[in-house]
Amino acid sequence: MSVTRRRSRRTWGLGPGIAVLAFTLTASAGAQERGSSDRDFKWDGAVSSGRWVYARNLNGSVKVERASGGRLEVVAVKRWRRGNPEDVRVEVTRVGSGEGDVLVCAIWRDVTEECDEQGYRTRDRRRDRDRWSRDDRNDDDVSLEITVRVPDGVKVDVSSINGGLDIAGATAEVEAHTVNGGIEARSSGGPVNASTVNGEIDVRMGAIGTGNLDFSTTNGSISVTVPDGLNADITMRTVNGSVGSDFPMTVNGRISPRRIAATIGRGGMKIDLSTVNGSIDLRRG
């Protein structure tokens, strides 16, 4: 399965006997960049405001927190009961123009062919889709929890296949996409885009930017909070649920409790919110 930046869960419970193992680090050589400790995977390095940090996971959560200083910090922990923890490692590389962005990838042996800023490429997408989506994983339950602590002004793009996304400390643009898992994203800046298939979306942003915004899931409700003074063309769609807005809207076409196309303020940018099973709320921050 491919997870891409612009498009994108039930997580597995962990019982007693969970173990933690050191990871393999692959990182670009850079001054004062540090690798793993003797237990958890740890890495830190400089990253400038306005650059991107990409974090890719296949099985497990991704968290984004605000860094206490001016350096990017990455921490990852393996958890398993029956599987082989050696099947997964973490790679951190410098990418982008001037290699000023940072890419964090969870690499599963015999599954991942390539991991880059756009997501994963696999050798057999159908096989890997079934592998990472089935409920009963008798032979391999290794999961990885990734935490990324970002300095102010750094943009983040995070994704997973089986795992929720918890973005609490962002101060700039956010892209958040998963398949099986909920998304909670908070940015004092923005804008924020988010999508999942099985999970709720709860987003709050301090700035909406100038581009279009998209929020989509299949099984879950959507709540998006934006600043006052919004000017946008809105589409909200659900099948089993309701739609609502804190903003006065001029409805375009027929009024429906499950689908609204409307203009807020002067209109302009497009905001699309869609689900099948769940309600949709556009809130004023």
Protein backbone atom coordinates (compact mmCIF):
# COMPACT_ATOMS: atom_id res chain seq x y z
CA MET A 1 0.00 0.00 0.00
CA SER A 2 1.23 3.43 -0.85
CA VAL A 3 0.86 6.30 1.58
CA THR A 4 1.27 9.65 -0.09
CA ARG A 5 1.72 13.10 1.25
CA ARG A 6 -1.49 14.70 -0.01
CA ARG A 7 -3.80 11.66 0.26
CA SER A 8 -3.98 9.41 2.63
CA ARG A 9 -7.12 2.05 12.47
CA ARG A 10 -7.47 -0.16 14.83
CA THR A 11 -4.21 -0.43 16.81
CA TRP A 12 -3.23 -3.65 18.48
CA GLY A 13 -3.32 -3.96 22.25
CA LEU A 14 -0.08 -4.68 24.02
CA GLY A 15 -0.05 -7.06 26.95
CA PRO A 16 2.53 -7.94 29.59
CA GLY A 17 6.03 -8.79 28.55
CA ILE A 18 6.44 -5.98 26.05
CA ALA A 19 10.09 -5.51 25.24
CA VAL A 20 12.16 -2.63 23.94
CA LEU A 21 15.13 -3.10 21.63
CA ALA A 22 17.76 -0.79 20.17
CA PHE A 23 17.36 0.24 16.53
CA THR A 24 19.65 0.51 13.58
CA LEU A 25 20.34 4.10 12.56
CA THR A 26 21.00 5.24 9.02
CA ALA A 27 21.57 8.98 8.97
CA SER A 28 23.34 11.50 6.82
CA ALA A 29 26.61 12.62 8.30
CA GLY A 30 26.15 15.98 9.94
CA ALA A 31 27.81 18.02 12.60
CA GLN A 32 26.60 17.27 16.11
CA GLU A 33 23.91 14.80 15.03
CA ARG A 34 23.55 11.93 17.46
CA GLY A 35 22.29 8.37 16.99
CA SER A 36 20.72 5.67 19.16
CA SER A 37 21.17 4.90 22.84
CA ASP A 38 21.47 1.40 24.31
CA ARG A 39 17.65 1.07 24.64
CA ASP A 40 15.31 3.26 22.61
CA PHE A 41 16.14 4.70 19.24
CA LYS A 42 17.11 8.35 19.65
CA TRP A 43 18.33 10.94 17.18
CA ASP A 44 18.61 14.70 17.21
CA GLY A 45 19.83 17.29 14.77
CA ALA A 46 19.39 20.84 13.60
CA VAL A 47 16.50 21.78 11.31
CA SER A 48 15.60 25.29 10.22
CA SER A 49 12.24 27.00 10.52
CA GLY A 50 10.24 26.56 7.32
CA ARG A 51 11.73 23.14 6.50
CA TRP A 52 9.81 19.85 6.47
CA VAL A 53 10.05 16.84 8.75
CA TYR A 54 8.54 13.67 7.24
CA ALA A 55 7.73 10.69 9.51
CA ARG A 56 6.61 7.38 7.97
CA ASN A 57 5.34 4.33 9.88
CA LEU A 58 3.66 1.09 8.81
CA ASN A 59 2.46 -0.46 12.05
CA GLY A 60 2.20 1.88 15.03
CA SER A 61 1.51 5.42 16.09
CA VAL A 62 3.26 8.68 15.31
CA LYS A 63 3.31 11.55 17.80
CA VAL A 64 4.47 15.11 17.21
CA GLU A 65 5.45 17.26 20.18
CA ARG A 66 7.00 20.68 20.52
CA ALA A 67 10.75 20.60 21.09
CA SER A 68 12.08 22.20 24.24
CA GLY A 69 14.94 23.77 22.28
CA GLY A 70 15.94 24.50 18.72
CA ARG A 71 16.84 20.94 17.68
CA LEU A 72 14.73 18.20 16.16
CA GLU A 73 14.42 15.10 18.33
CA VAL A 74 13.28 11.63 17.20
CA VAL A 75 12.50 8.80 19.63
CA ALA A 76 11.13 5.38 18.62
CA VAL A 77 10.21 2.30 20.65
CA LYS A 78 9.54 -1.24 19.41
CA ARG A 79 6.85 -3.31 21.07
CA TRP A 80 5.98 -6.97 20.45
CA ARG A 81 4.77 -10.20 21.98
CA ARG A 82 5.22 -12.88 19.31
CA GLY A 83 6.93 -11.24 16.35
CA ASN A 84 10.59 -10.70 15.55
CA PRO A 85 11.72 -7.17 16.53
CA GLU A 86 14.66 -7.45 14.15
CA ASP A 87 12.17 -7.18 11.27
CA VAL A 88 11.98 -3.40 11.74
CA ARG A 89 14.55 -0.65 11.93
CA VAL A 90 14.47 3.15 11.77
CA GLU A 91 16.26 5.30 9.23
CA VAL A 92 16.78 9.07 9.46
CA THR A 93 18.07 10.87 6.37
CA ARG A 94 18.50 14.41 5.10
CA VAL A 95 16.41 15.19 2.01
CA GLY A 96 15.04 18.11 0.03
CA SER A 97 16.78 21.11 -1.45
CA GLY A 98 20.14 21.49 0.18
CA GLU A 99 19.23 18.41 2.24
CA GLY A 100 17.58 20.72 4.74
CA ASP A 101 14.48 18.55 5.34
CA VAL A 102 14.48 15.41 7.50
CA LEU A 103 12.93 12.03 6.63
CA VAL A 104 12.17 9.47 9.36
CA CYS A 105 11.21 6.01 8.08
CA ALA A 106 10.25 2.78 9.80
CA ILE A 107 11.66 0.07 7.53
CA TRP A 108 10.16 -3.43 7.70
CA ARG A 109 12.36 -6.19 6.29
CA ASP A 110 10.98 -7.89 3.15
CA VAL A 111 8.16 -5.32 2.94
CA THR A 112 9.56 -1.86 2.30
CA GLU A 113 11.15 -1.26 -1.07
CA GLU A 114 11.45 2.49 -0.80
CA CYS A 115 10.47 5.18 1.69
CA ASP A 116 10.69 8.83 0.74
CA GLU A 117 8.92 12.15 1.18
CA GLN A 118 5.90 10.86 -0.76
CA GLY A 119 5.46 7.69 1.31
CA TYR A 120 6.19 3.97 0.89
CA ARG A 121 6.71 1.92 -2.20
CA THR A 122 6.40 -1.87 -1.70
CA ARG A 123 7.41 -4.94 -3.71
CA ASP A 124 3.91 -6.44 -3.66
CA ARG A 125 1.26 -3.90 -2.76
CA ARG A 126 -1.63 -6.37 -2.62
CA ARG A 127 0.30 -8.74 -0.37
CA ASP A 128 1.42 -5.95 1.92
CA ARG A 129 -2.03 -4.38 2.04
CA ASP A 130 -3.40 -7.70 3.29
CA ARG A 131 -0.49 -8.16 5.66
CA TRP A 132 -0.87 -4.80 7.36
CA SER A 133 -4.67 -4.70 7.37
CA ARG A 134 -5.80 -8.09 8.64
CA ASP A 135 -7.09 -8.37 12.21
CA ASP A 136 -5.42 -11.66 13.19
CA ARG A 137 -1.63 -11.43 13.08
CA ASN A 138 -0.53 -14.68 14.72
CA ASP A 139 3.07 -14.57 13.53
CA ASP A 140 4.04 -10.90 13.58
CA ASP A 141 2.75 -8.28 15.98
CA VAL A 142 5.78 -5.98 16.07
CA SER A 143 4.73 -2.35 16.30
CA LEU A 144 6.71 0.86 16.44
CA GLU A 145 5.87 4.05 18.32
CA ILE A 146 7.56 7.12 16.84
CA THR A 147 7.74 10.47 18.65
CA VAL A 148 9.02 13.54 16.84
CA ARG A 149 9.74 16.76 18.73
CA VAL A 150 9.91 19.72 16.36
CA PRO A 151 11.27 23.24 16.87
CA ASP A 152 9.06 26.25 16.19
CA GLY A 153 8.29 26.98 12.55
CA VAL A 154 9.10 23.47 11.27
CA LYS A 155 6.45 21.87 9.04
CA VAL A 156 5.45 18.23 9.59
CA ASP A 157 4.13 15.50 7.29
CA VAL A 158 3.30 12.27 9.15
CA SER A 159 1.68 9.03 8.04
CA SER A 160 1.05 5.44 9.09
CA ILE A 161 -0.90 2.40 7.90
CA ASN A 162 -2.00 0.84 11.20
CA GLY A 163 -1.68 3.52 13.84
CA GLY A 164 -3.13 6.73 15.14
CA LEU A 165 -1.56 10.16 14.73
CA ASP A 166 -1.30 12.55 17.67
CA ILE A 167 0.06 15.96 16.70
CA ALA A 168 0.08 18.26 19.69
CA GLY A 169 3.05 20.56 19.35
CA ALA A 170 3.05 21.83 15.78
CA THR A 171 3.45 25.54 15.06
CA ALA A 172 3.35 25.45 11.24
CA GLU A 173 1.85 23.46 8.36
CA VAL A 174 0.71 19.87 9.00
CA GLU A 175 -0.08 16.93 6.71
CA ALA A 176 -1.50 13.90 8.59
CA HIS A 177 -2.62 10.70 6.86
CA THR A 178 -3.25 7.16 8.08
CA VAL A 179 -5.53 4.23 7.25
CA ASN A 180 -6.55 2.50 10.48
CA GLY A 181 -6.43 5.02 13.30
CA GLY A 182 -7.72 8.34 14.49
CA ILE A 183 -6.05 11.69 13.94
CA GLU A 184 -5.79 14.46 16.50
CA ALA A 185 -3.85 17.45 15.19
CA ARG A 186 -3.19 20.80 16.84
CA SER A 187 -1.14 23.57 15.26
CA SER A 188 -0.81 27.11 16.57
CA GLY A 189 -0.02 27.93 12.94
CA GLY A 190 -1.22 25.93 9.94
CA PRO A 191 -2.73 25.02 7.63
CA VAL A 192 -3.64 21.39 8.45
CA ASN A 193 -4.87 18.59 6.14
CA ALA A 194 -5.89 15.17 7.47
CA SER A 195 -7.31 11.88 6.18
CA THR A 196 -7.91 8.36 7.44
CA VAL A 197 -10.25 5.47 6.64
CA ASN A 198 -11.13 4.00 10.04
CA GLY A 199 -10.95 6.66 12.70
CA GLU A 200 -12.10 10.08 13.82
CA ILE A 201 -10.47 13.36 12.84
CA ASP A 202 -10.13 16.22 15.33
CA VAL A 203 -8.18 19.20 14.01
CA ARG A 204 -7.51 22.69 15.36
CA MET A 205 -5.37 25.25 13.53
CA GLY A 206 -4.35 28.82 14.14
CA ALA A 207 -4.03 29.74 10.45
CA ILE A 208 -5.75 28.37 7.34
CA GLY A 209 -3.26 29.47 4.69
CA THR A 210 -4.30 30.22 1.12
CA GLY A 211 -4.68 26.74 -0.40
CA ASN A 212 -7.58 24.30 -0.26
CA LEU A 213 -8.14 22.10 2.80
CA ASP A 214 -9.32 18.50 2.80
CA PHE A 215 -10.52 16.26 5.65
CA SER A 216 -11.83 12.78 4.94
CA THR A 217 -12.59 9.49 6.66
CA THR A 218 -15.01 6.60 6.13
CA ASN A 219 -15.77 5.41 9.65
CA GLY A 220 -15.57 8.31 12.08
CA SER A 221 -16.67 11.84 12.80
CA ILE A 222 -14.81 15.00 11.76
CA SER A 223 -14.34 18.12 13.85
CA VAL A 224 -12.31 21.01 12.43
CA THR A 225 -11.70 24.28 14.27
CA VAL A 226 -10.46 27.30 12.30
CA PRO A 227 -9.92 30.97 13.20
CA ASP A 228 -12.67 33.55 13.07
CA GLY A 229 -12.97 35.66 9.92
CA LEU A 230 -13.12 32.64 7.60
CA ASN A 231 -13.81 33.23 3.90
CA ALA A 232 -14.28 29.93 2.09
CA ASP A 233 -16.48 27.71 -0.05
CA ILE A 234 -17.46 24.69 2.05
CA THR A 235 -18.60 21.19 1.16
CA MET A 236 -19.68 18.82 3.94
CA ARG A 237 -20.88 15.28 3.16
CA THR A 238 -21.95 12.31 5.28
CA VAL A 239 -24.25 9.29 4.89
CA ASN A 240 -24.91 8.29 8.49
CA GLY A 241 -24.58 11.42 10.61
CA SER A 242 -25.23 15.15 10.59
CA VAL A 243 -23.38 18.29 9.51
CA GLY A 244 -23.05 21.58 11.36
CA SER A 245 -21.14 24.85 11.41
CA ASP A 246 -20.48 27.64 13.90
CA PHE A 247 -20.17 30.08 10.98
CA PRO A 248 -23.13 31.72 9.21
CA MET A 249 -23.37 30.14 5.76
CA THR A 250 -25.06 30.94 2.49
CA VAL A 251 -26.25 27.55 1.24
CA ASN A 252 -25.87 26.81 -2.45
CA GLY A 253 -28.63 24.56 -3.78
CA ARG A 254 -30.93 22.30 -1.80
CA ILE A 255 -30.63 22.17 2.00
CA SER A 256 -29.88 18.69 3.33
CA PRO A 257 -29.05 17.53 6.87
CA ARG A 258 -26.30 15.29 5.45
CA ARG A 259 -24.81 17.33 2.64
CA ILE A 260 -24.14 21.06 2.45
CA ALA A 261 -22.45 23.15 -0.21
CA ALA A 262 -22.19 26.69 1.12
CA THR A 263 -20.25 29.93 1.17
CA ILE A 264 -18.82 31.44 4.33
CA GLY A 265 -17.97 35.12 4.27
CA ARG A 266 -16.74 36.19 0.85
CA GLY A 267 -15.91 32.63 -0.20
CA GLY A 268 -12.67 31.78 -1.98
CA MET A 269 -10.57 28.86 -0.78
CA LYS A 270 -12.25 25.43 -0.74
CA ILE A 271 -12.70 23.31 2.38
CA ASP A 272 -13.95 19.76 1.84
CA LEU A 273 -15.07 17.56 4.75
CA SER A 274 -16.43 14.08 4.04
CA THR A 275 -17.25 10.87 5.89
CA VAL A 276 -19.68 7.96 5.55
CA ASN A 277 -20.36 6.94 9.14
CA GLY A 278 -20.08 9.97 11.40
CA SER A 279 -20.97 13.61 11.91
CA ILE A 280 -19.15 16.70 10.67
CA ASP A 281 -18.63 19.94 12.59
CA LEU A 282 -16.86 23.08 11.40
CA ARG A 283 -16.07 25.14 14.49
CA ARG A 284 -14.93 28.66 15.14
CA GLY A 285 -11.73 28.91 17.18
